Amino acid sequence: MSDKMDKAERRELKARNKATKLDKKSKSLYNQKTFVNKH
């Protein structure tokens, strides 16, 4: 069961990282300073 949880968590992390990267790209165009400050 813990193996399944691991895979699910990893998949979620990958998806989240993808979303974050896309978010960074779009935000950096008009919102760079604020984004950098938050992270």
C-alpha atoms as a PDB file:
ATOM      1  CA  MET A   1       0.000   0.000   0.000  1.00  0.00           C
ATOM      2  CA  SER A   2       2.792   2.396   0.842  1.00  0.00           C
ATOM      3  CA  ASP A   3       4.277   1.718  -2.590  1.00  0.00           C
ATOM      4  CA  LYS A   4       1.059   2.842  -4.242  1.00  0.00           C
ATOM      5  CA  MET A   5       1.029   5.961  -2.090  1.00  0.00           C
ATOM      6  CA  ASP A   6       4.620   6.661  -3.077  1.00  0.00           C
ATOM      7  CA  LYS A   7       3.821   6.415  -6.770  1.00  0.00           C
ATOM      8  CA  ALA A   8       0.732   8.575  -6.408  1.00  0.00           C
ATOM      9  CA  GLU A   9       2.628  11.186  -4.427  1.00  0.00           C
ATOM     10  CA  ARG A  10       5.461  11.219  -6.935  1.00  0.00           C
ATOM     11  CA  ARG A  11       3.012  11.604  -9.809  1.00  0.00           C
ATOM     12  CA  GLU A  12       1.343  14.471  -7.980  1.00  0.00           C
ATOM     13  CA  LEU A  13       4.675  16.142  -7.335  1.00  0.00           C
ATOM     14  CA  LYS A  14       5.644  15.837 -10.994  1.00  0.00           C
ATOM     15  CA  ALA A  15       2.340  17.337 -12.086  1.00  0.00           C
ATOM     16  CA  ARG A  16       2.727  20.120  -9.550  1.00  0.00           C
ATOM     17  CA  ASN A  17       6.262  20.845 -10.710  1.00  0.00           C
ATOM     18  CA  LYS A  18       5.073  21.039 -14.298  1.00  0.00           C
ATOM     19  CA  ALA A  19       2.320  23.450 -13.319  1.00  0.00           C
ATOM     20  CA  THR A  20       4.790  25.512 -11.313  1.00  0.00           C
ATOM     21  CA  LYS A  21       7.197  25.736 -14.244  1.00  0.00           C
ATOM     22  CA  LEU A  22       4.429  26.851 -16.583  1.00  0.00           C
ATOM     23  CA  ASP A  23       3.243  29.280 -13.945  1.00  0.00           C
ATOM     24  CA  LYS A  24       6.751  30.688 -13.589  1.00  0.00           C
ATOM     25  CA  LYS A  25       7.045  31.184 -17.327  1.00  0.00           C
ATOM     26  CA  SER A  26       3.749  33.035 -17.636  1.00  0.00           C
ATOM     27  CA  LYS A  27       4.190  35.037 -14.440  1.00  0.00           C
ATOM     28  CA  SER A  28       7.775  36.038 -15.172  1.00  0.00           C
ATOM     29  CA  LEU A  29       6.526  37.926 -18.209  1.00  0.00           C
ATOM     30  CA  TYR A  30       4.610  40.485 -16.158  1.00  0.00           C
ATOM     31  CA  ASN A  31       5.031  39.621 -12.479  1.00  0.00           C
ATOM     32  CA  GLN A  32       8.690  38.694 -12.010  1.00  0.00           C
ATOM     33  CA  LYS A  33       9.569  40.617  -8.851  1.00  0.00           C
ATOM     34  CA  THR A  34       6.504  39.543  -6.887  1.00  0.00           C
ATOM     35  CA  PHE A  35       6.982  35.899  -7.832  1.00  0.00           C
ATOM     36  CA  VAL A  36      10.649  35.928  -6.838  1.00  0.00           C
ATOM     37  CA  ASN A  37       9.792  37.536  -3.513  1.00  0.00           C
ATOM     38  CA  LYS A  38       7.188  34.882  -2.733  1.00  0.00           C
ATOM     39  CA  HIS A  39       9.558  31.990  -3.424  1.00  0.00           C
END
